[in-house]
Amino acid sequence: MAESGGTFERLFDELKRRKVFRVAIGYLALAWLIAQISDLVLENFDAPGWVIKTILYLLAAGFPVVVFLAWVFEVTPDGVAVEREGE
């Protein structure tokens, strides 16, 4: 059992190092803002209900993609680079 606690701790540390949590929280905040603005604007233009649902589905589908990209890529002063194991 002590080994599994260490594994989760290493995973958590790696997620923090790669800034996955920061990207996930940022994405959720931005998605919430987009959803709020879309709801307000589309309601005023009498858009059909499926439009806001489509936006919400796209925002929800984008979350795992963004988290995966945050895990794989690293933003550096020289640009975007592929994250390498052991660095």
Protein backbone atom coordinates (compact mmCIF):
# COMPACT_ATOMS: atom_id res chain seq x y z
CA MET A 1 0.00 0.00 0.00
CA ALA A 2 2.85 2.41 0.73
CA GLU A 3 4.02 2.03 -2.88
CA SER A 4 0.68 3.15 -4.35
CA GLY A 5 0.74 6.30 -2.19
CA GLY A 6 4.14 7.13 -3.62
CA THR A 7 2.89 6.53 -7.15
CA PHE A 8 0.00 8.95 -6.71
CA GLU A 9 2.33 11.47 -5.13
CA ARG A 10 4.73 11.22 -8.09
CA LEU A 11 1.83 11.58 -10.53
CA PHE A 12 0.55 14.65 -8.67
CA ASP A 13 4.03 16.18 -8.65
CA GLU A 14 4.42 15.52 -12.38
CA LEU A 15 1.02 17.10 -13.11
CA LYS A 16 2.07 20.17 -11.14
CA ARG A 17 5.46 20.32 -12.87
CA ARG A 18 3.88 20.20 -16.30
CA LYS A 19 1.34 22.84 -15.22
CA VAL A 20 -1.63 20.63 -16.14
CA PHE A 21 -3.67 21.90 -13.18
CA ARG A 22 -3.03 25.52 -14.11
CA VAL A 23 -4.10 24.90 -17.72
CA ALA A 24 -7.21 22.98 -16.62
CA ILE A 25 -8.34 25.72 -14.23
CA GLY A 26 -7.64 28.39 -16.84
CA TYR A 27 -9.61 26.48 -19.47
CA LEU A 28 -12.56 26.01 -17.12
CA ALA A 29 -12.59 29.72 -16.25
CA LEU A 30 -12.41 30.74 -19.91
CA ALA A 31 -15.05 28.18 -20.92
CA TRP A 32 -17.37 29.46 -18.19
CA LEU A 33 -16.88 33.03 -19.44
CA ILE A 34 -17.56 32.00 -23.05
CA ALA A 35 -20.68 30.10 -21.97
CA GLN A 36 -21.99 33.09 -20.01
CA ILE A 37 -21.38 35.55 -22.83
CA SER A 38 -22.82 33.15 -25.43
CA ASP A 39 -25.95 32.63 -23.35
CA LEU A 40 -26.46 36.35 -22.92
CA VAL A 41 -25.81 37.25 -26.55
CA LEU A 42 -27.71 34.35 -28.11
CA GLU A 43 -30.70 34.95 -25.85
CA ASN A 44 -30.88 38.57 -27.03
CA PHE A 45 -30.73 37.48 -30.67
CA ASP A 46 -33.43 34.81 -30.14
CA ALA A 47 -31.12 32.05 -31.36
CA PRO A 48 -32.49 28.50 -31.25
CA GLY A 49 -31.68 26.43 -28.19
CA TRP A 50 -29.44 24.04 -30.09
CA VAL A 51 -26.87 26.78 -30.68
CA ILE A 52 -25.99 27.24 -27.00
CA LYS A 53 -26.08 23.47 -26.49
CA THR A 54 -23.61 23.04 -29.34
CA ILE A 55 -21.29 25.64 -27.83
CA LEU A 56 -21.45 23.92 -24.44
CA TYR A 57 -20.76 20.50 -26.01
CA LEU A 58 -17.77 21.90 -27.89
CA LEU A 59 -16.40 23.51 -24.74
CA ALA A 60 -16.85 20.25 -22.82
CA ALA A 61 -15.24 18.21 -25.61
CA GLY A 62 -12.31 20.61 -25.72
CA PHE A 63 -11.41 20.12 -22.05
CA PRO A 64 -9.75 16.69 -22.34
CA VAL A 65 -7.96 17.80 -25.50
CA VAL A 66 -6.51 20.86 -23.74
CA VAL A 67 -5.47 18.82 -20.70
CA PHE A 68 -3.77 16.25 -22.95
CA LEU A 69 -1.93 18.98 -24.85
CA ALA A 70 -0.83 20.53 -21.56
CA TRP A 71 0.63 17.16 -20.57
CA VAL A 72 2.45 16.59 -23.87
CA PHE A 73 3.71 20.07 -24.73
CA GLU A 74 5.67 22.65 -22.77
CA VAL A 75 5.62 26.38 -23.46
CA THR A 76 9.14 27.78 -23.28
CA PRO A 77 10.64 31.19 -24.10
CA ASP A 78 11.81 29.61 -27.38
CA GLY A 79 8.27 28.47 -28.26
CA VAL A 80 6.29 25.28 -27.80
CA ALA A 81 8.35 22.14 -27.25
CA VAL A 82 7.50 18.48 -26.73
CA GLU A 83 7.87 17.51 -23.07
CA ARG A 84 10.65 14.96 -22.60
CA GLU A 85 10.68 12.31 -19.89
CA GLY A 86 13.15 12.82 -17.09
CA GLU A 87 13.73 16.56 -17.62
